[in-house]
Amino acid sequence: MNLNNALYIRIKVVPGASRDAISGILGDRLKVKTSAPPEDGKANKAICKLLAKSLGIKPAQVNVHRGHTNPEKTIRIDEYAIDSISASLGIENDDLKKIAFDKE
């Protein structure tokens, strides 16, 4: 498997939802719901954990790059395999191109 260094994904977080879920594309962002509240970084930790689990990678490989206190965030995924990202997130490759980039 060919691993790339870092991928940045724009997301829209909905904290305080009834359950944790990746809800698909919303404009130029991936919509992610979490039951965690938006306080003390709880929602940030929950979305990183959810994305890591969905992608089958270690939680340490996923972190909030930008937007720590904003529902619109940029997530950094380290050492990823591009061919598995779309399938793991349940989105089309064309949609991935709308929400993701590999250079800051």
N, C-alpha and C. Protein backbone atom coordinates (compact mmCIF):
# COMPACT_ATOMS: atom_id res chain seq x y z
N MET A 1 0.85 -1.18 0.00
CA MET A 1 0.00 0.00 0.00
C MET A 1 0.89 1.24 0.00
N ASN A 2 0.62 2.17 -0.88
CA ASN A 2 1.38 3.40 -0.99
C ASN A 2 0.80 4.46 -0.05
N LEU A 3 1.58 4.89 0.93
CA LEU A 3 1.11 5.87 1.90
C LEU A 3 1.61 7.27 1.55
N ASN A 4 0.72 8.24 1.66
CA ASN A 4 1.06 9.64 1.45
C ASN A 4 1.27 10.31 2.80
N ASN A 5 1.93 11.46 2.81
CA ASN A 5 2.27 12.12 4.06
C ASN A 5 1.08 12.68 4.83
N ALA A 6 0.33 13.60 4.22
CA ALA A 6 -0.78 14.21 4.95
C ALA A 6 -1.89 14.61 3.99
N LEU A 7 -3.12 14.44 4.45
CA LEU A 7 -4.30 14.86 3.71
C LEU A 7 -5.11 15.75 4.64
N TYR A 8 -5.61 16.86 4.10
CA TYR A 8 -6.44 17.78 4.87
C TYR A 8 -7.86 17.67 4.36
N ILE A 9 -8.80 17.51 5.28
CA ILE A 9 -10.22 17.39 4.91
C ILE A 9 -11.00 18.48 5.64
N ARG A 10 -11.78 19.22 4.86
CA ARG A 10 -12.66 20.24 5.45
C ARG A 10 -13.92 19.54 5.94
N ILE A 11 -14.29 19.81 7.20
CA ILE A 11 -15.49 19.20 7.77
C ILE A 11 -16.38 20.25 8.41
N LYS A 12 -17.63 19.88 8.56
CA LYS A 12 -18.63 20.66 9.30
C LYS A 12 -19.09 19.76 10.44
N VAL A 13 -18.87 20.17 11.65
CA VAL A 13 -19.21 19.36 12.82
C VAL A 13 -20.56 19.78 13.39
N VAL A 14 -21.36 18.79 13.73
CA VAL A 14 -22.63 19.01 14.41
C VAL A 14 -22.50 18.35 15.79
N PRO A 15 -22.11 19.14 16.81
CA PRO A 15 -21.97 18.57 18.15
C PRO A 15 -23.32 18.40 18.82
N GLY A 16 -23.37 17.54 19.83
CA GLY A 16 -24.61 17.33 20.58
C GLY A 16 -25.65 16.55 19.80
N ALA A 17 -25.25 15.83 18.75
CA ALA A 17 -26.19 15.02 17.97
C ALA A 17 -26.60 13.78 18.77
N SER A 18 -27.58 13.08 18.28
CA SER A 18 -28.05 11.88 18.99
C SER A 18 -27.05 10.72 18.90
N ARG A 19 -26.20 10.74 17.85
CA ARG A 19 -25.20 9.68 17.72
C ARG A 19 -24.03 10.20 16.88
N ASP A 20 -22.91 9.48 16.95
CA ASP A 20 -21.74 9.82 16.15
C ASP A 20 -21.91 9.21 14.76
N ALA A 21 -21.71 10.04 13.71
CA ALA A 21 -21.89 9.54 12.34
C ALA A 21 -21.26 10.49 11.34
N ILE A 22 -20.82 9.91 10.23
CA ILE A 22 -20.38 10.69 9.08
C ILE A 22 -21.60 10.75 8.17
N SER A 23 -22.06 11.97 7.89
CA SER A 23 -23.35 12.16 7.22
C SER A 23 -23.26 12.50 5.74
N GLY A 24 -22.06 12.49 5.16
CA GLY A 24 -21.94 12.79 3.74
C GLY A 24 -21.44 14.19 3.49
N ILE A 25 -21.61 14.64 2.26
CA ILE A 25 -21.07 15.92 1.82
C ILE A 25 -22.10 17.04 2.05
N LEU A 26 -21.63 18.16 2.54
CA LEU A 26 -22.45 19.36 2.72
C LEU A 26 -21.66 20.51 2.10
N GLY A 27 -21.98 20.87 0.87
CA GLY A 27 -21.22 21.90 0.16
C GLY A 27 -19.81 21.43 -0.13
N ASP A 28 -18.82 22.15 0.43
CA ASP A 28 -17.42 21.78 0.24
C ASP A 28 -16.83 21.15 1.50
N ARG A 29 -17.70 20.55 2.31
CA ARG A 29 -17.26 19.94 3.57
C ARG A 29 -17.90 18.57 3.78
N LEU A 30 -17.23 17.77 4.59
CA LEU A 30 -17.78 16.49 5.03
C LEU A 30 -18.53 16.77 6.33
N LYS A 31 -19.79 16.39 6.39
CA LYS A 31 -20.59 16.63 7.59
C LYS A 31 -20.38 15.47 8.56
N VAL A 32 -19.98 15.82 9.78
CA VAL A 32 -19.71 14.83 10.82
C VAL A 32 -20.52 15.20 12.05
N LYS A 33 -21.31 14.24 12.53
CA LYS A 33 -22.13 14.45 13.74
C LYS A 33 -21.46 13.75 14.91
N THR A 34 -21.54 14.39 16.07
CA THR A 34 -21.03 13.75 17.27
C THR A 34 -21.97 14.03 18.44
N SER A 35 -22.08 13.05 19.31
CA SER A 35 -22.92 13.23 20.49
C SER A 35 -22.17 14.01 21.57
N ALA A 36 -20.88 14.20 21.40
CA ALA A 36 -20.09 14.94 22.38
C ALA A 36 -20.44 16.43 22.35
N PRO A 37 -20.40 17.08 23.51
CA PRO A 37 -20.70 18.51 23.55
C PRO A 37 -19.50 19.33 23.05
N PRO A 38 -19.76 20.55 22.58
CA PRO A 38 -18.67 21.41 22.09
C PRO A 38 -17.98 22.16 23.22
N GLU A 39 -17.46 21.44 24.16
CA GLU A 39 -16.79 22.08 25.30
C GLU A 39 -15.54 21.31 25.69
N ASP A 40 -14.50 22.04 26.06
CA ASP A 40 -13.24 21.45 26.51
C ASP A 40 -12.64 20.47 25.49
N GLY A 41 -12.88 20.69 24.21
CA GLY A 41 -12.30 19.83 23.18
C GLY A 41 -12.93 18.46 23.04
N LYS A 42 -14.05 18.22 23.73
CA LYS A 42 -14.69 16.90 23.69
C LYS A 42 -15.19 16.54 22.30
N ALA A 43 -15.81 17.49 21.61
CA ALA A 43 -16.30 17.21 20.25
C ALA A 43 -15.13 16.97 19.30
N ASN A 44 -14.06 17.75 19.44
CA ASN A 44 -12.88 17.56 18.59
C ASN A 44 -12.30 16.16 18.75
N LYS A 45 -12.16 15.73 19.99
CA LYS A 45 -11.62 14.40 20.26
C LYS A 45 -12.53 13.32 19.68
N ALA A 46 -13.83 13.52 19.83
CA ALA A 46 -14.80 12.52 19.34
C ALA A 46 -14.77 12.41 17.81
N ILE A 47 -14.67 13.54 17.11
CA ILE A 47 -14.66 13.45 15.65
C ILE A 47 -13.35 12.84 15.14
N CYS A 48 -12.25 13.13 15.80
CA CYS A 48 -10.97 12.52 15.40
C CYS A 48 -11.02 11.01 15.61
N LYS A 49 -11.60 10.59 16.72
CA LYS A 49 -11.73 9.16 17.01
C LYS A 49 -12.66 8.49 15.99
N LEU A 50 -13.78 9.13 15.66
CA LEU A 50 -14.72 8.58 14.69
C LEU A 50 -14.07 8.46 13.31
N LEU A 51 -13.38 9.51 12.87
CA LEU A 51 -12.72 9.47 11.56
C LEU A 51 -11.64 8.39 11.52
N ALA A 52 -10.85 8.28 12.58
CA ALA A 52 -9.81 7.25 12.63
C ALA A 52 -10.41 5.85 12.54
N LYS A 53 -11.48 5.63 13.28
CA LYS A 53 -12.15 4.33 13.25
C LYS A 53 -12.71 4.04 11.86
N SER A 54 -13.34 5.02 11.24
CA SER A 54 -13.92 4.85 9.91
C SER A 54 -12.85 4.57 8.86
N LEU A 55 -11.69 5.18 9.03
CA LEU A 55 -10.60 5.02 8.06
C LEU A 55 -9.70 3.83 8.37
N GLY A 56 -9.89 3.23 9.54
CA GLY A 56 -9.08 2.08 9.91
C GLY A 56 -7.63 2.45 10.21
N ILE A 57 -7.45 3.64 10.81
CA ILE A 57 -6.11 4.10 11.17
C ILE A 57 -6.06 4.42 12.65
N LYS A 58 -4.86 4.69 13.14
CA LYS A 58 -4.69 5.02 14.55
C LYS A 58 -5.25 6.42 14.84
N PRO A 59 -5.87 6.61 16.00
CA PRO A 59 -6.38 7.94 16.35
C PRO A 59 -5.30 9.02 16.33
N ALA A 60 -4.06 8.67 16.61
CA ALA A 60 -2.97 9.65 16.60
C ALA A 60 -2.69 10.19 15.20
N GLN A 61 -3.19 9.54 14.17
CA GLN A 61 -2.98 9.98 12.79
C GLN A 61 -4.00 11.04 12.35
N VAL A 62 -4.98 11.33 13.20
CA VAL A 62 -6.05 12.28 12.87
C VAL A 62 -6.06 13.39 13.92
N ASN A 63 -5.98 14.64 13.45
CA ASN A 63 -6.06 15.75 14.40
C ASN A 63 -6.69 16.98 13.76
N VAL A 64 -7.18 17.86 14.61
CA VAL A 64 -7.77 19.11 14.14
C VAL A 64 -6.62 20.04 13.80
N HIS A 65 -6.56 20.44 12.54
CA HIS A 65 -5.49 21.32 12.07
C HIS A 65 -5.89 22.78 12.23
N ARG A 66 -7.14 23.09 11.90
CA ARG A 66 -7.67 24.45 11.97
C ARG A 66 -9.11 24.41 12.45
N GLY A 67 -9.52 25.45 13.19
CA GLY A 67 -10.92 25.58 13.59
C GLY A 67 -11.25 24.88 14.90
N HIS A 68 -10.32 24.88 15.83
CA HIS A 68 -10.53 24.18 17.10
C HIS A 68 -11.80 24.58 17.83
N THR A 69 -12.21 25.83 17.71
CA THR A 69 -13.41 26.30 18.42
C THR A 69 -14.54 26.66 17.46
N ASN A 70 -14.44 26.21 16.23
CA ASN A 70 -15.40 26.53 15.19
C ASN A 70 -16.00 25.23 14.65
N PRO A 71 -17.30 25.21 14.30
CA PRO A 71 -17.86 23.98 13.74
C PRO A 71 -17.30 23.64 12.35
N GLU A 72 -16.75 24.64 11.65
CA GLU A 72 -16.10 24.37 10.37
C GLU A 72 -14.61 24.21 10.65
N LYS A 73 -14.11 23.01 10.42
CA LYS A 73 -12.74 22.65 10.78
C LYS A 73 -11.99 22.08 9.58
N THR A 74 -10.69 22.05 9.71
CA THR A 74 -9.84 21.32 8.78
C THR A 74 -9.14 20.25 9.59
N ILE A 75 -9.30 19.02 9.14
CA ILE A 75 -8.72 17.87 9.82
C ILE A 75 -7.49 17.41 9.04
N ARG A 76 -6.43 17.08 9.74
CA ARG A 76 -5.22 16.54 9.11
C ARG A 76 -5.17 15.05 9.37
N ILE A 77 -4.99 14.28 8.29
CA ILE A 77 -4.84 12.83 8.38
C ILE A 77 -3.43 12.50 7.93
N ASP A 78 -2.64 11.91 8.81
CA ASP A 78 -1.25 11.56 8.49
C ASP A 78 -1.15 10.14 7.98
N GLU A 79 -0.22 9.94 7.06
CA GLU A 79 0.10 8.63 6.50
C GLU A 79 -1.15 7.87 6.07
N TYR A 80 -1.76 8.36 5.03
CA TYR A 80 -3.01 7.78 4.54
C TYR A 80 -2.80 7.12 3.17
N ALA A 81 -3.69 6.22 2.84
CA ALA A 81 -3.71 5.60 1.51
C ALA A 81 -4.90 6.20 0.77
N ILE A 82 -4.64 7.01 -0.24
CA ILE A 82 -5.69 7.77 -0.93
C ILE A 82 -6.78 6.87 -1.51
N ASP A 83 -6.42 5.71 -1.98
CA ASP A 83 -7.42 4.84 -2.61
C ASP A 83 -8.43 4.28 -1.62
N SER A 84 -8.14 4.34 -0.34
CA SER A 84 -9.09 3.81 0.64
C SER A 84 -9.94 4.88 1.33
N ILE A 85 -9.57 6.16 1.19
CA ILE A 85 -10.27 7.23 1.89
C ILE A 85 -11.73 7.35 1.46
N SER A 86 -11.98 7.43 0.16
CA SER A 86 -13.36 7.61 -0.34
C SER A 86 -14.26 6.47 0.12
N ALA A 87 -13.81 5.25 -0.09
CA ALA A 87 -14.62 4.10 0.29
C ALA A 87 -14.87 4.06 1.80
N SER A 88 -13.85 4.36 2.57
CA SER A 88 -13.99 4.33 4.04
C SER A 88 -14.96 5.38 4.55
N LEU A 89 -15.01 6.54 3.87
CA LEU A 89 -15.91 7.61 4.30
C LEU A 89 -17.28 7.50 3.64
N GLY A 90 -17.42 6.59 2.70
CA GLY A 90 -18.71 6.40 2.03
C GLY A 90 -19.04 7.51 1.05
N ILE A 91 -18.02 8.07 0.40
CA ILE A 91 -18.24 9.14 -0.56
C ILE A 91 -17.55 8.81 -1.88
N GLU A 92 -17.96 9.48 -2.93
CA GLU A 92 -17.37 9.28 -4.26
C GLU A 92 -16.02 10.00 -4.35
N ASN A 93 -15.14 9.52 -5.25
CA ASN A 93 -13.84 10.16 -5.45
C ASN A 93 -13.98 11.63 -5.84
N ASP A 94 -14.96 11.94 -6.69
CA ASP A 94 -15.17 13.33 -7.11
C ASP A 94 -15.54 14.22 -5.91
N ASP A 95 -16.33 13.66 -4.98
CA ASP A 95 -16.69 14.42 -3.78
C ASP A 95 -15.47 14.60 -2.88
N LEU A 96 -14.61 13.59 -2.81
CA LEU A 96 -13.40 13.71 -2.00
C LEU A 96 -12.55 14.87 -2.51
N LYS A 97 -12.48 15.03 -3.80
CA LYS A 97 -11.69 16.13 -4.39
C LYS A 97 -12.24 17.50 -3.99
N LYS A 98 -13.54 17.59 -3.70
CA LYS A 98 -14.16 18.85 -3.29
C LYS A 98 -13.80 19.24 -1.86
N ILE A 99 -13.61 18.24 -1.00
CA ILE A 99 -13.44 18.51 0.42
C ILE A 99 -12.02 18.32 0.93
N ALA A 100 -11.14 17.74 0.11
CA ALA A 100 -9.81 17.38 0.60
C ALA A 100 -8.70 18.00 -0.26
N PHE A 101 -7.56 18.22 0.37
CA PHE A 101 -6.39 18.69 -0.34
C PHE A 101 -5.16 18.16 0.39
N ASP A 102 -4.03 18.09 -0.30
CA ASP A 102 -2.84 17.50 0.31
C ASP A 102 -1.72 18.49 0.57
N LYS A 103 -1.98 19.76 0.35
CA LYS A 103 -0.99 20.79 0.67
C LYS A 103 -1.69 21.90 1.45
N GLU A 104 -1.01 22.35 2.49
CA GLU A 104 -1.57 23.39 3.34
C GLU A 104 -1.59 24.72 2.63
